[in-house]
């Protein structure tokens, strides 16, 4: 019984050690790749709109509310029409 318990504990320690070593190597590799990518492709600098001109909602990537409401309304109507056909 003592041999079985000792073998189980050693197997547990080897397994946990392997996981710690693997995760450490994974973090090191990820940091290295991140630095390598940032060296060749630096982060994009956001552009500032010219003075006197406000940025339009579509230029910022945010859809305006009217477009969003129209798309949602069309989707609900199509869903209801499809449900009626079934």
N, C-alpha and C. Protein backbone atom coordinates (compact mmCIF):
# COMPACT_ATOMS: atom_id res chain seq x y z
N UNK A 1 0.82 -1.19 0.00
CA UNK A 1 0.00 0.00 0.00
C UNK A 1 0.87 1.26 0.00
N UNK A 2 1.98 1.22 0.79
CA UNK A 2 2.86 2.39 0.84
C UNK A 2 3.55 2.62 -0.49
N UNK A 3 3.89 1.53 -1.19
CA UNK A 3 4.53 1.67 -2.49
C UNK A 3 3.58 2.31 -3.50
N UNK A 4 2.32 1.91 -3.44
CA UNK A 4 1.32 2.45 -4.36
C UNK A 4 1.10 3.94 -4.10
N UNK A 5 1.06 4.32 -2.82
CA UNK A 5 0.89 5.73 -2.47
C UNK A 5 2.11 6.55 -2.89
N UNK A 6 3.30 6.02 -2.67
CA UNK A 6 4.53 6.72 -3.07
C UNK A 6 4.59 6.87 -4.58
N UNK A 7 4.20 5.84 -5.31
CA UNK A 7 4.21 5.92 -6.77
C UNK A 7 3.19 6.95 -7.26
N UNK A 8 2.03 6.99 -6.63
CA UNK A 8 1.02 7.99 -7.00
C UNK A 8 1.48 9.41 -6.74
N UNK A 9 2.14 9.62 -5.60
CA UNK A 9 2.66 10.96 -5.28
C UNK A 9 3.76 11.37 -6.25
N UNK A 10 4.66 10.44 -6.57
CA UNK A 10 5.72 10.80 -7.51
C UNK A 10 5.14 11.10 -8.89
N UNK A 11 4.16 10.33 -9.31
CA UNK A 11 3.52 10.58 -10.61
C UNK A 11 2.82 11.94 -10.61
N UNK A 12 2.19 12.28 -9.48
CA UNK A 12 1.54 13.58 -9.38
C UNK A 12 2.57 14.70 -9.47
N UNK A 13 3.68 14.58 -8.79
CA UNK A 13 4.71 15.62 -8.82
C UNK A 13 5.32 15.75 -10.21
N UNK A 14 5.59 14.63 -10.88
CA UNK A 14 6.11 14.69 -12.25
C UNK A 14 5.10 15.37 -13.18
N UNK A 15 3.86 15.03 -13.04
CA UNK A 15 2.82 15.63 -13.89
C UNK A 15 2.68 17.12 -13.66
N UNK A 16 2.66 17.52 -12.39
CA UNK A 16 2.54 18.95 -12.09
C UNK A 16 3.79 19.70 -12.54
N UNK A 17 4.94 19.08 -12.38
CA UNK A 17 6.18 19.72 -12.83
C UNK A 17 6.19 19.91 -14.33
N UNK A 18 5.73 18.88 -15.05
CA UNK A 18 5.67 18.98 -16.51
C UNK A 18 4.74 20.11 -16.93
N UNK A 19 3.59 20.23 -16.28
CA UNK A 19 2.64 21.29 -16.63
C UNK A 19 3.24 22.67 -16.36
N UNK A 20 3.92 22.84 -15.24
CA UNK A 20 4.53 24.13 -14.91
C UNK A 20 5.60 24.48 -15.93
N UNK A 21 6.45 23.51 -16.28
CA UNK A 21 7.50 23.77 -17.28
C UNK A 21 6.88 24.10 -18.63
N UNK A 22 5.86 23.36 -19.05
CA UNK A 22 5.21 23.61 -20.33
C UNK A 22 4.59 25.00 -20.37
N UNK A 23 3.87 25.39 -19.31
CA UNK A 23 3.23 26.71 -19.30
C UNK A 23 4.27 27.83 -19.27
N UNK A 24 5.38 27.61 -18.58
CA UNK A 24 6.45 28.61 -18.57
C UNK A 24 7.03 28.79 -19.98
N UNK A 25 7.28 27.68 -20.65
CA UNK A 25 7.78 27.78 -22.03
C UNK A 25 6.76 28.42 -22.95
N UNK A 26 5.49 28.16 -22.73
CA UNK A 26 4.43 28.76 -23.54
C UNK A 26 4.40 30.27 -23.36
N UNK A 27 4.54 30.75 -22.13
CA UNK A 27 4.56 32.19 -21.87
C UNK A 27 5.77 32.83 -22.52
N UNK A 28 6.93 32.19 -22.40
CA UNK A 28 8.14 32.73 -23.01
C UNK A 28 8.00 32.80 -24.53
N UNK A 29 7.48 31.74 -25.15
CA UNK A 29 7.30 31.73 -26.60
C UNK A 29 6.30 32.79 -27.04
N UNK A 30 5.22 32.96 -26.28
CA UNK A 30 4.23 33.97 -26.64
C UNK A 30 4.81 35.38 -26.54
N UNK A 31 5.55 35.65 -25.49
CA UNK A 31 6.19 36.97 -25.36
C UNK A 31 7.18 37.21 -26.49
N UNK A 32 7.96 36.19 -26.85
CA UNK A 32 8.92 36.33 -27.93
C UNK A 32 8.22 36.63 -29.25
N UNK A 33 7.16 35.89 -29.56
CA UNK A 33 6.43 36.13 -30.80
C UNK A 33 5.79 37.51 -30.81
N UNK A 34 5.29 37.95 -29.67
CA UNK A 34 4.68 39.28 -29.59
C UNK A 34 5.71 40.36 -29.89
N UNK A 35 6.88 40.24 -29.30
CA UNK A 35 7.94 41.23 -29.55
C UNK A 35 8.39 41.19 -31.01
N UNK A 36 8.46 40.00 -31.57
CA UNK A 36 8.87 39.86 -32.96
C UNK A 36 7.86 40.52 -33.89
N UNK A 37 6.58 40.30 -33.65
CA UNK A 37 5.55 40.90 -34.49
C UNK A 37 5.54 42.42 -34.32
N UNK A 38 5.68 42.90 -33.11
CA UNK A 38 5.67 44.35 -32.88
C UNK A 38 6.88 45.03 -33.51
N UNK A 39 7.98 44.31 -33.66
CA UNK A 39 9.16 44.89 -34.28
C UNK A 39 8.92 45.14 -35.77
N UNK A 40 8.29 44.18 -36.44
CA UNK A 40 8.08 44.29 -37.88
C UNK A 40 6.77 44.98 -38.24
N UNK A 41 5.80 44.99 -37.36
CA UNK A 41 4.50 45.62 -37.63
C UNK A 41 4.08 46.40 -36.40
N UNK A 42 4.52 47.68 -36.28
CA UNK A 42 4.16 48.46 -35.09
C UNK A 42 2.66 48.75 -35.05
N UNK A 43 2.19 49.11 -33.87
CA UNK A 43 0.76 49.40 -33.69
C UNK A 43 0.35 50.60 -34.54
N UNK A 44 -0.87 50.55 -35.06
CA UNK A 44 -1.38 51.64 -35.88
C UNK A 44 -1.66 52.86 -35.01
N UNK A 45 -1.34 54.03 -35.54
CA UNK A 45 -1.58 55.28 -34.83
C UNK A 45 -2.95 55.80 -35.25
N UNK A 46 -3.84 56.06 -34.29
CA UNK A 46 -5.17 56.57 -34.66
C UNK A 46 -5.05 57.96 -35.27
N UNK A 47 -5.87 58.22 -36.29
CA UNK A 47 -5.85 59.53 -36.93
C UNK A 47 -6.83 60.46 -36.24
N UNK A 48 -6.48 61.71 -36.18
CA UNK A 48 -7.31 62.73 -35.56
C UNK A 48 -7.98 63.52 -36.67
N UNK A 49 -9.32 63.74 -36.60
CA UNK A 49 -9.99 64.51 -37.65
C UNK A 49 -9.51 65.96 -37.65
N UNK A 50 -9.59 66.60 -38.81
CA UNK A 50 -9.17 67.99 -38.93
C UNK A 50 -10.03 68.89 -38.07
N UNK A 51 -9.49 70.03 -37.68
CA UNK A 51 -10.24 70.97 -36.84
C UNK A 51 -11.46 71.47 -37.59
N UNK A 52 -12.56 71.60 -36.86
CA UNK A 52 -13.78 72.11 -37.45
C UNK A 52 -14.65 71.04 -38.08
N UNK A 53 -14.12 69.84 -38.22
CA UNK A 53 -14.90 68.75 -38.80
C UNK A 53 -15.08 67.67 -37.76
N UNK A 54 -16.31 67.32 -37.51
CA UNK A 54 -16.59 66.25 -36.56
C UNK A 54 -16.52 64.92 -37.29
N UNK A 55 -16.06 63.92 -36.60
CA UNK A 55 -15.99 62.59 -37.19
C UNK A 55 -17.40 62.03 -37.33
N UNK A 56 -17.71 61.51 -38.50
CA UNK A 56 -19.05 60.94 -38.71
C UNK A 56 -19.13 59.59 -38.01
N UNK A 57 -20.32 59.16 -37.61
CA UNK A 57 -20.45 57.88 -36.92
C UNK A 57 -19.97 56.70 -37.75
N UNK A 58 -20.18 56.75 -39.07
CA UNK A 58 -19.75 55.64 -39.90
C UNK A 58 -18.23 55.59 -40.02
N UNK A 59 -17.58 56.75 -39.94
CA UNK A 59 -16.12 56.77 -40.01
C UNK A 59 -15.50 56.16 -38.77
N UNK A 60 -16.19 56.24 -37.63
CA UNK A 60 -15.65 55.68 -36.40
C UNK A 60 -15.95 54.19 -36.28
N UNK A 61 -16.67 53.63 -37.24
CA UNK A 61 -16.98 52.22 -37.19
C UNK A 61 -18.29 51.92 -36.48
N UNK A 62 -18.95 52.91 -35.92
CA UNK A 62 -20.22 52.71 -35.22
C UNK A 62 -21.36 53.06 -36.17
N UNK A 63 -22.30 52.14 -36.40
CA UNK A 63 -23.43 52.46 -37.26
C UNK A 63 -24.36 53.45 -36.58
N UNK A 64 -25.00 54.30 -37.38
CA UNK A 64 -25.93 55.25 -36.78
C UNK A 64 -27.20 54.51 -36.36
N UNK A 65 -27.98 55.13 -35.50
CA UNK A 65 -29.15 54.48 -34.92
C UNK A 65 -30.22 54.17 -35.96
N UNK A 66 -30.40 55.03 -36.95
CA UNK A 66 -31.43 54.79 -37.95
C UNK A 66 -31.13 53.54 -38.76
N UNK A 67 -29.91 53.36 -39.14
CA UNK A 67 -29.52 52.17 -39.90
C UNK A 67 -29.71 50.92 -39.05
N UNK A 68 -29.32 51.00 -37.80
CA UNK A 68 -29.44 49.87 -36.91
C UNK A 68 -30.90 49.48 -36.70
N UNK A 69 -31.77 50.46 -36.50
CA UNK A 69 -33.20 50.19 -36.32
C UNK A 69 -33.78 49.58 -37.59
N UNK A 70 -33.39 50.08 -38.75
CA UNK A 70 -33.91 49.55 -40.01
C UNK A 70 -33.49 48.10 -40.21
N UNK A 71 -32.25 47.79 -39.90
CA UNK A 71 -31.76 46.41 -40.07
C UNK A 71 -32.47 45.48 -39.09
N UNK A 72 -32.62 45.91 -37.86
CA UNK A 72 -33.29 45.06 -36.87
C UNK A 72 -34.75 44.84 -37.23
N UNK A 73 -35.43 45.87 -37.72
CA UNK A 73 -36.83 45.75 -38.11
C UNK A 73 -36.98 44.77 -39.27
N UNK A 74 -36.09 44.87 -40.24
CA UNK A 74 -36.15 43.95 -41.38
C UNK A 74 -35.89 42.51 -40.93
N UNK A 75 -34.98 42.32 -40.00
CA UNK A 75 -34.69 40.97 -39.52
C UNK A 75 -35.88 40.38 -38.77
N UNK A 76 -36.55 41.18 -37.95
CA UNK A 76 -37.72 40.69 -37.21
C UNK A 76 -38.85 40.36 -38.18
N UNK A 77 -39.07 41.20 -39.19
CA UNK A 77 -40.13 40.93 -40.15
C UNK A 77 -39.84 39.65 -40.94
N UNK A 78 -38.58 39.43 -41.33
CA UNK A 78 -38.24 38.22 -42.06
C UNK A 78 -38.42 37.00 -41.16
N UNK A 79 -38.05 37.11 -39.91
CA UNK A 79 -38.21 35.99 -38.98
C UNK A 79 -39.67 35.64 -38.82
N UNK A 80 -40.53 36.64 -38.65
CA UNK A 80 -41.96 36.39 -38.48
C UNK A 80 -42.57 35.80 -39.75
N UNK A 81 -42.12 36.27 -40.92
CA UNK A 81 -42.63 35.74 -42.18
C UNK A 81 -42.22 34.27 -42.36
N UNK A 82 -41.00 33.95 -41.98
CA UNK A 82 -40.52 32.57 -42.08
C UNK A 82 -41.28 31.67 -41.13
N UNK A 83 -41.62 32.16 -39.95
CA UNK A 83 -42.35 31.37 -38.98
C UNK A 83 -43.77 31.09 -39.46
N UNK A 84 -44.41 32.07 -40.16
CA UNK A 84 -45.76 31.91 -40.67
C UNK A 84 -45.81 30.84 -41.75
N UNK A 85 -44.75 30.76 -42.58
CA UNK A 85 -44.71 29.81 -43.68
C UNK A 85 -44.63 28.37 -43.18
N UNK A 86 -44.13 28.16 -42.04
CA UNK A 86 -43.94 26.78 -41.53
C UNK A 86 -45.19 26.21 -41.01
